[in-house]
Amino acid sequence: MKHGGNFIFYFIFLLAFVYTGSAIAPASAIEQIPSTKGEVKKEKSEKKTRRKRKRTKRPKPTGGEFTLQSADGSVSLSDFRGKVVLIYFGYTMCPDVCPVSLDIMAEAFGGLNESELKGVQGIFISLDPGRDTTQRLKEYAAYFHPNIIGLVDKKEAIDDVCQRYGCVYKLVDMPNSSIGYGVLHSSRTAVVGRDGKLITIYNHETPAKTLIDAIRGVPGK
């Protein structure tokens, strides 16, 4: 194999000399030269690692009861039993994905008739307890729609709900920004049935029409 590689290199070198009158092979030809054994081994190892990551599946979200804090006191999921609940995780200083997702939720609520609207509730759970106070969340959530409330709590409580509803996040330092740090997080909207059980989770930018259909399709009206 080693000799074959040397022969190919010599052949390219010779062609370059014949056609260009120079002993320097064209860049395109050099790029076609086989990698060294070490580079090949490294590439195979990286591919193997990528395949393992793809095969690693996070636990399936189970949903379930939780109690977090609002500006008006403790709020539990069971407080909305009999309603369809849409849950989204984010933070008030989020520059884009959170406002987009909450806009879509608000648009979906706006597409319901008065009777249907009485049977739905939106919950925005903050991933940033260090900055998102309950009052700040109350004002932020209400800006999008009166049927959306903002909740927060200690990190441990938030992490527990995140795990059960398929949300992942991490704090990221932003030393050159006035906000100090950001929150990288998944952007998904969970739909909970009138019985308090998780029905499904929609990915980022799922159209409002899809959410409306999902709300109307929940049994037990």
C-alpha atoms as a PDB file:
ATOM      1  CA  MET A   1       0.000   0.000   0.000  1.00  0.00           C
ATOM      2  CA  LYS A   2       2.873   2.303   0.893  1.00  0.00           C
ATOM      3  CA  HIS A   3       4.614   1.659  -2.408  1.00  0.00           C
ATOM      4  CA  GLY A   4       1.369   2.222  -4.302  1.00  0.00           C
ATOM      5  CA  GLY A   5       0.993   5.617  -2.668  1.00  0.00           C
ATOM      6  CA  ASN A   6       4.572   6.567  -3.631  1.00  0.00           C
ATOM      7  CA  PHE A   7       3.941   5.482  -7.207  1.00  0.00           C
ATOM      8  CA  ILE A   8       0.770   7.641  -7.464  1.00  0.00           C
ATOM      9  CA  PHE A   9       2.641  10.638  -6.075  1.00  0.00           C
ATOM     10  CA  TYR A  10       5.492  10.114  -8.535  1.00  0.00           C
ATOM     11  CA  PHE A  11       3.008   9.765 -11.420  1.00  0.00           C
ATOM     12  CA  ILE A  12       1.272  13.062 -10.509  1.00  0.00           C
ATOM     13  CA  PHE A  13       4.665  14.722 -10.119  1.00  0.00           C
ATOM     14  CA  LEU A  14       5.662  13.547 -13.590  1.00  0.00           C
ATOM     15  CA  LEU A  15       2.424  14.730 -15.209  1.00  0.00           C
ATOM     16  CA  ALA A  16       2.820  18.148 -13.620  1.00  0.00           C
ATOM     17  CA  PHE A  17       6.332  18.444 -14.961  1.00  0.00           C
ATOM     18  CA  VAL A  18       5.324  17.378 -18.492  1.00  0.00           C
ATOM     19  CA  TYR A  19       2.299  19.708 -18.812  1.00  0.00           C
ATOM     20  CA  THR A  20       3.526  22.752 -16.896  1.00  0.00           C
ATOM     21  CA  GLY A  21       7.246  22.516 -17.256  1.00  0.00           C
ATOM     22  CA  SER A  22       7.486  22.735 -13.507  1.00  0.00           C
ATOM     23  CA  ALA A  23       8.372  20.220 -10.865  1.00  0.00           C
ATOM     24  CA  ILE A  24       5.468  21.458  -8.662  1.00  0.00           C
ATOM     25  CA  ALA A  25       2.232  19.484  -8.919  1.00  0.00           C
ATOM     26  CA  PRO A  26      -1.030  21.471  -9.220  1.00  0.00           C
ATOM     27  CA  ALA A  27      -2.938  21.966  -5.997  1.00  0.00           C
ATOM     28  CA  SER A  28      -5.860  19.865  -7.266  1.00  0.00           C
ATOM     29  CA  ALA A  29      -3.501  16.983  -7.899  1.00  0.00           C
ATOM     30  CA  ILE A  30      -1.889  17.256  -4.486  1.00  0.00           C
ATOM     31  CA  GLU A  31      -5.317  17.109  -2.838  1.00  0.00           C
ATOM     32  CA  GLN A  32      -5.895  13.724  -4.433  1.00  0.00           C
ATOM     33  CA  ILE A  33      -2.817  12.189  -2.823  1.00  0.00           C
ATOM     34  CA  PRO A  34      -3.907   9.529  -0.311  1.00  0.00           C
ATOM     35  CA  SER A  35      -3.735  10.473   3.364  1.00  0.00           C
ATOM     36  CA  THR A  36      -1.107   9.003   5.657  1.00  0.00           C
ATOM     37  CA  LYS A  37      -1.997   5.948   7.735  1.00  0.00           C
ATOM     38  CA  GLY A  38      -2.274   8.151  10.820  1.00  0.00           C
ATOM     39  CA  GLU A  39      -4.760  10.531   9.165  1.00  0.00           C
ATOM     40  CA  VAL A  40      -6.837   7.630   7.849  1.00  0.00           C
ATOM     41  CA  LYS A  41      -6.950   6.056  11.315  1.00  0.00           C
ATOM     42  CA  LYS A  42      -7.983   9.384  12.861  1.00  0.00           C
ATOM     43  CA  GLU A  43     -10.731   9.881  10.293  1.00  0.00           C
ATOM     44  CA  LYS A  44     -12.099   6.367  10.905  1.00  0.00           C
ATOM     45  CA  SER A  45     -12.096   7.001  14.650  1.00  0.00           C
ATOM     46  CA  GLU A  46     -13.996  10.283  14.219  1.00  0.00           C
ATOM     47  CA  LYS A  47     -16.584   8.600  11.977  1.00  0.00           C
ATOM     48  CA  LYS A  48     -17.043   5.844  14.554  1.00  0.00           C
ATOM     49  CA  THR A  49     -17.599   8.451  17.281  1.00  0.00           C
ATOM     50  CA  ARG A  50     -20.175  10.271  15.133  1.00  0.00           C
ATOM     51  CA  ARG A  51     -22.035   7.008  14.496  1.00  0.00           C
ATOM     52  CA  LYS A  52     -22.129   6.277  18.244  1.00  0.00           C
ATOM     53  CA  ARG A  53     -23.560   9.730  18.929  1.00  0.00           C
ATOM     54  CA  LYS A  54     -26.299   9.175  16.367  1.00  0.00           C
ATOM     55  CA  ARG A  55     -27.184   5.838  17.957  1.00  0.00           C
ATOM     56  CA  THR A  56     -27.305   7.336  21.468  1.00  0.00           C
ATOM     57  CA  LYS A  57     -30.920   8.179  22.177  1.00  0.00           C
ATOM     58  CA  ARG A  58     -32.106  10.368  24.995  1.00  0.00           C
ATOM     59  CA  PRO A  59     -34.788   8.896  27.243  1.00  0.00           C
ATOM     60  CA  LYS A  60     -38.259   9.337  25.798  1.00  0.00           C
ATOM     61  CA  PRO A  61     -40.031  12.285  27.449  1.00  0.00           C
ATOM     62  CA  THR A  62     -42.638  11.085  29.905  1.00  0.00           C
ATOM     63  CA  GLY A  63     -44.163  14.392  30.987  1.00  0.00           C
ATOM     64  CA  GLY A  64     -45.963  14.460  34.312  1.00  0.00           C
ATOM     65  CA  GLU A  65     -46.966  16.707  37.182  1.00  0.00           C
ATOM     66  CA  PHE A  66     -44.823  19.636  38.308  1.00  0.00           C
ATOM     67  CA  THR A  67     -45.082  22.700  40.505  1.00  0.00           C
ATOM     68  CA  LEU A  68     -43.136  25.887  39.760  1.00  0.00           C
ATOM     69  CA  GLN A  69     -43.371  29.538  40.795  1.00  0.00           C
ATOM     70  CA  SER A  70     -45.248  32.432  39.202  1.00  0.00           C
ATOM     71  CA  ALA A  71     -45.670  36.052  40.253  1.00  0.00           C
ATOM     72  CA  ASP A  72     -48.972  35.022  41.832  1.00  0.00           C
ATOM     73  CA  GLY A  73     -47.623  32.023  43.738  1.00  0.00           C
ATOM     74  CA  SER A  74     -47.092  28.321  43.108  1.00  0.00           C
ATOM     75  CA  VAL A  75     -48.551  26.872  39.922  1.00  0.00           C
ATOM     76  CA  SER A  76     -48.996  23.158  39.218  1.00  0.00           C
ATOM     77  CA  LEU A  77     -49.775  21.461  35.947  1.00  0.00           C
ATOM     78  CA  SER A  78     -52.792  19.893  37.650  1.00  0.00           C
ATOM     79  CA  ASP A  79     -54.231  23.401  38.143  1.00  0.00           C
ATOM     80  CA  PHE A  80     -55.157  23.242  34.469  1.00  0.00           C
ATOM     81  CA  ARG A  81     -56.757  19.815  34.482  1.00  0.00           C
ATOM     82  CA  GLY A  82     -59.543  19.843  31.885  1.00  0.00           C
ATOM     83  CA  LYS A  83     -57.556  22.156  29.587  1.00  0.00           C
ATOM     84  CA  VAL A  84     -55.089  21.504  26.782  1.00  0.00           C
ATOM     85  CA  VAL A  85     -51.710  22.861  27.905  1.00  0.00           C
ATOM     86  CA  LEU A  86     -48.849  23.960  25.648  1.00  0.00           C
ATOM     87  CA  ILE A  87     -45.432  24.134  27.329  1.00  0.00           C
ATOM     88  CA  TYR A  88     -42.333  25.916  26.045  1.00  0.00           C
ATOM     89  CA  PHE A  89     -38.900  26.286  27.698  1.00  0.00           C
ATOM     90  CA  GLY A  90     -36.710  29.347  27.167  1.00  0.00           C
ATOM     91  CA  TYR A  91     -35.633  32.626  28.777  1.00  0.00           C
ATOM     92  CA  THR A  92     -36.692  36.247  28.506  1.00  0.00           C
ATOM     93  CA  MET A  93     -33.357  37.510  27.146  1.00  0.00           C
ATOM     94  CA  CYS A  94     -33.447  35.011  24.292  1.00  0.00           C
ATOM     95  CA  PRO A  95     -32.864  37.026  21.093  1.00  0.00           C
ATOM     96  CA  ASP A  96     -34.788  34.951  18.580  1.00  0.00           C
ATOM     97  CA  VAL A  97     -36.062  31.378  19.023  1.00  0.00           C
ATOM     98  CA  CYS A  98     -38.143  32.083  22.136  1.00  0.00           C
ATOM     99  CA  PRO A  99     -40.002  35.091  20.717  1.00  0.00           C
ATOM    100  CA  VAL A 100     -40.630  33.177  17.486  1.00  0.00           C
ATOM    101  CA  SER A 101     -41.993  30.139  19.327  1.00  0.00           C
ATOM    102  CA  LEU A 102     -44.185  32.179  21.655  1.00  0.00           C
ATOM    103  CA  ASP A 103     -45.462  34.180  18.685  1.00  0.00           C
ATOM    104  CA  ILE A 104     -46.495  30.930  17.031  1.00  0.00           C
ATOM    105  CA  MET A 105     -48.217  29.768  20.216  1.00  0.00           C
ATOM    106  CA  ALA A 106     -50.045  33.107  20.428  1.00  0.00           C
ATOM    107  CA  GLU A 107     -51.018  32.854  16.771  1.00  0.00           C
ATOM    108  CA  ALA A 108     -52.446  29.388  17.412  1.00  0.00           C
ATOM    109  CA  PHE A 109     -54.466  30.697  20.364  1.00  0.00           C
ATOM    110  CA  GLY A 110     -55.668  33.557  18.195  1.00  0.00           C
ATOM    111  CA  GLY A 111     -56.987  31.044  15.667  1.00  0.00           C
ATOM    112  CA  LEU A 112     -59.321  29.428  18.211  1.00  0.00           C
ATOM    113  CA  ASN A 113     -62.881  30.491  18.843  1.00  0.00           C
ATOM    114  CA  GLU A 114     -63.914  31.900  22.224  1.00  0.00           C
ATOM    115  CA  SER A 115     -65.094  28.563  23.571  1.00  0.00           C
ATOM    116  CA  GLU A 116     -61.913  26.760  22.480  1.00  0.00           C
ATOM    117  CA  LEU A 117     -59.705  29.494  23.932  1.00  0.00           C
ATOM    118  CA  LYS A 118     -61.212  28.968  27.367  1.00  0.00           C
ATOM    119  CA  GLY A 119     -59.962  25.388  27.223  1.00  0.00           C
ATOM    120  CA  VAL A 120     -56.273  26.075  26.536  1.00  0.00           C
ATOM    121  CA  GLN A 121     -53.323  27.294  28.588  1.00  0.00           C
ATOM    122  CA  GLY A 122     -49.792  28.232  27.578  1.00  0.00           C
ATOM    123  CA  ILE A 123     -46.857  27.852  29.975  1.00  0.00           C
ATOM    124  CA  PHE A 124     -43.449  29.451  29.425  1.00  0.00           C
ATOM    125  CA  ILE A 125     -40.839  27.884  31.736  1.00  0.00           C
ATOM    126  CA  SER A 126     -37.658  29.888  32.250  1.00  0.00           C
ATOM    127  CA  LEU A 127     -34.258  28.196  32.006  1.00  0.00           C
ATOM    128  CA  ASP A 128     -32.615  31.280  33.496  1.00  0.00           C
ATOM    129  CA  PRO A 129     -33.577  31.553  37.192  1.00  0.00           C
ATOM    130  CA  GLY A 130     -30.596  33.805  37.792  1.00  0.00           C
ATOM    131  CA  ARG A 131     -32.154  36.662  35.814  1.00  0.00           C
ATOM    132  CA  ASP A 132     -35.789  35.803  35.151  1.00  0.00           C
ATOM    133  CA  THR A 133     -37.824  36.899  38.152  1.00  0.00           C
ATOM    134  CA  THR A 134     -41.446  35.847  38.458  1.00  0.00           C
ATOM    135  CA  GLN A 135     -42.603  39.418  37.796  1.00  0.00           C
ATOM    136  CA  ARG A 136     -40.434  39.745  34.718  1.00  0.00           C
ATOM    137  CA  LEU A 137     -41.836  36.445  33.419  1.00  0.00           C
ATOM    138  CA  LYS A 138     -45.420  37.545  34.087  1.00  0.00           C
ATOM    139  CA  GLU A 139     -44.972  40.654  31.958  1.00  0.00           C
ATOM    140  CA  TYR A 140     -42.989  38.858  29.256  1.00  0.00           C
ATOM    141  CA  ALA A 141     -45.458  35.990  28.795  1.00  0.00           C
ATOM    142  CA  ALA A 142     -48.510  38.266  28.857  1.00  0.00           C
ATOM    143  CA  TYR A 143     -46.978  40.355  26.075  1.00  0.00           C
ATOM    144  CA  PHE A 144     -47.505  37.442  23.688  1.00  0.00           C
ATOM    145  CA  HIS A 145     -50.948  36.337  24.879  1.00  0.00           C
ATOM    146  CA  PRO A 146     -53.039  36.582  28.068  1.00  0.00           C
ATOM    147  CA  ASN A 147     -53.411  32.789  28.067  1.00  0.00           C
ATOM    148  CA  ILE A 148     -49.652  32.320  28.494  1.00  0.00           C
ATOM    149  CA  ILE A 149     -48.062  32.439  31.951  1.00  0.00           C
ATOM    150  CA  GLY A 150     -44.386  32.462  32.927  1.00  0.00           C
ATOM    151  CA  LEU A 151     -42.938  30.111  35.529  1.00  0.00           C
ATOM    152  CA  VAL A 152     -39.522  29.709  37.140  1.00  0.00           C
ATOM    153  CA  ASP A 153     -37.979  28.013  40.161  1.00  0.00           C
ATOM    154  CA  LYS A 154     -34.686  26.749  41.512  1.00  0.00           C
ATOM    155  CA  LYS A 155     -32.395  25.094  38.984  1.00  0.00           C
ATOM    156  CA  GLU A 156     -32.995  21.629  40.423  1.00  0.00           C
ATOM    157  CA  ALA A 157     -36.761  21.928  39.971  1.00  0.00           C
ATOM    158  CA  ILE A 158     -36.381  23.277  36.426  1.00  0.00           C
ATOM    159  CA  ASP A 159     -33.949  20.507  35.480  1.00  0.00           C
ATOM    160  CA  ASP A 160     -36.405  17.883  36.679  1.00  0.00           C
ATOM    161  CA  VAL A 161     -39.192  19.257  34.485  1.00  0.00           C
ATOM    162  CA  CYS A 162     -36.785  19.657  31.563  1.00  0.00           C
ATOM    163  CA  GLN A 163     -35.756  16.025  31.729  1.00  0.00           C
ATOM    164  CA  ARG A 164     -39.353  14.811  31.755  1.00  0.00           C
ATOM    165  CA  TYR A 165     -40.391  17.057  28.875  1.00  0.00           C
ATOM    166  CA  GLY A 166     -37.394  16.516  26.590  1.00  0.00           C
ATOM    167  CA  CYS A 167     -35.726  19.904  26.979  1.00  0.00           C
ATOM    168  CA  VAL A 168     -31.929  20.221  26.984  1.00  0.00           C
ATOM    169  CA  TYR A 169     -29.989  23.397  27.717  1.00  0.00           C
ATOM    170  CA  LYS A 170     -26.679  24.824  28.893  1.00  0.00           C
ATOM    171  CA  LEU A 171     -25.404  28.221  29.956  1.00  0.00           C
ATOM    172  CA  VAL A 172     -22.800  29.745  27.657  1.00  0.00           C
ATOM    173  CA  ASP A 173     -20.423  32.539  28.674  1.00  0.00           C
ATOM    174  CA  MET A 174     -20.550  35.626  26.440  1.00  0.00           C
ATOM    175  CA  PRO A 175     -17.663  37.759  27.745  1.00  0.00           C
ATOM    176  CA  ASN A 176     -17.982  40.346  24.976  1.00  0.00           C
ATOM    177  CA  SER A 177     -21.710  40.822  25.495  1.00  0.00           C
ATOM    178  CA  SER A 178     -23.475  43.115  27.930  1.00  0.00           C
ATOM    179  CA  ILE A 179     -25.742  40.251  29.034  1.00  0.00           C
ATOM    180  CA  GLY A 180     -22.780  38.175  30.269  1.00  0.00           C
ATOM    181  CA  TYR A 181     -24.089  34.766  29.270  1.00  0.00           C
ATOM    182  CA  GLY A 182     -26.686  33.144  27.074  1.00  0.00           C
ATOM    183  CA  VAL A 183     -28.687  29.943  27.251  1.00  0.00           C
ATOM    184  CA  LEU A 184     -28.365  27.378  24.478  1.00  0.00           C
ATOM    185  CA  HIS A 185     -31.540  25.319  24.532  1.00  0.00           C
ATOM    186  CA  SER A 186     -33.734  23.048  22.488  1.00  0.00           C
ATOM    187  CA  SER A 187     -36.790  24.766  21.030  1.00  0.00           C
ATOM    188  CA  ARG A 188     -39.841  22.521  21.199  1.00  0.00           C
ATOM    189  CA  THR A 189     -43.461  22.878  22.238  1.00  0.00           C
ATOM    190  CA  ALA A 190     -45.056  20.153  24.336  1.00  0.00           C
ATOM    191  CA  VAL A 191     -48.788  19.463  24.152  1.00  0.00           C
ATOM    192  CA  VAL A 192     -50.433  18.076  27.299  1.00  0.00           C
ATOM    193  CA  GLY A 193     -53.935  16.645  27.254  1.00  0.00           C
ATOM    194  CA  ARG A 194     -56.871  17.524  29.488  1.00  0.00           C
ATOM    195  CA  ASP A 195     -55.935  14.588  31.712  1.00  0.00           C
ATOM    196  CA  GLY A 196     -52.468  16.013  32.374  1.00  0.00           C
ATOM    197  CA  LYS A 197     -50.669  13.473  30.201  1.00  0.00           C
ATOM    198  CA  LEU A 198     -48.072  14.401  27.595  1.00  0.00           C
ATOM    199  CA  ILE A 199     -49.454  13.860  24.096  1.00  0.00           C
ATOM    200  CA  THR A 200     -46.671  15.011  21.783  1.00  0.00           C
ATOM    201  CA  ILE A 201     -43.799  17.469  21.349  1.00  0.00           C
ATOM    202  CA  TYR A 202     -43.456  19.668  18.272  1.00  0.00           C
ATOM    203  CA  ASN A 203     -40.171  20.941  16.872  1.00  0.00           C
ATOM    204  CA  HIS A 204     -39.154  24.579  16.464  1.00  0.00           C
ATOM    205  CA  GLU A 205     -41.243  26.685  14.066  1.00  0.00           C
ATOM    206  CA  THR A 206     -44.035  24.150  13.787  1.00  0.00           C
ATOM    207  CA  PRO A 207     -46.811  26.185  12.100  1.00  0.00           C
ATOM    208  CA  ALA A 208     -49.627  27.630  14.193  1.00  0.00           C
ATOM    209  CA  LYS A 209     -52.129  25.710  12.055  1.00  0.00           C
ATOM    210  CA  THR A 210     -50.545  22.441  13.221  1.00  0.00           C
ATOM    211  CA  LEU A 211     -50.883  23.515  16.860  1.00  0.00           C
ATOM    212  CA  ILE A 212     -54.514  24.514  16.297  1.00  0.00           C
ATOM    213  CA  ASP A 213     -55.266  21.104  14.772  1.00  0.00           C
ATOM    214  CA  ALA A 214     -53.478  19.417  17.693  1.00  0.00           C
ATOM    215  CA  ILE A 215     -55.506  21.376  20.259  1.00  0.00           C
ATOM    216  CA  ARG A 216     -58.772  20.611  18.496  1.00  0.00           C
ATOM    217  CA  GLY A 217     -57.812  16.973  18.176  1.00  0.00           C
ATOM    218  CA  VAL A 218     -57.323  16.382  21.910  1.00  0.00           C
ATOM    219  CA  PRO A 219     -60.155  14.194  23.218  1.00  0.00           C
ATOM    220  CA  GLY A 220     -62.214  14.759  26.351  1.00  0.00           C
ATOM    221  CA  LYS A 221     -63.754  18.128  25.549  1.00  0.00           C
END
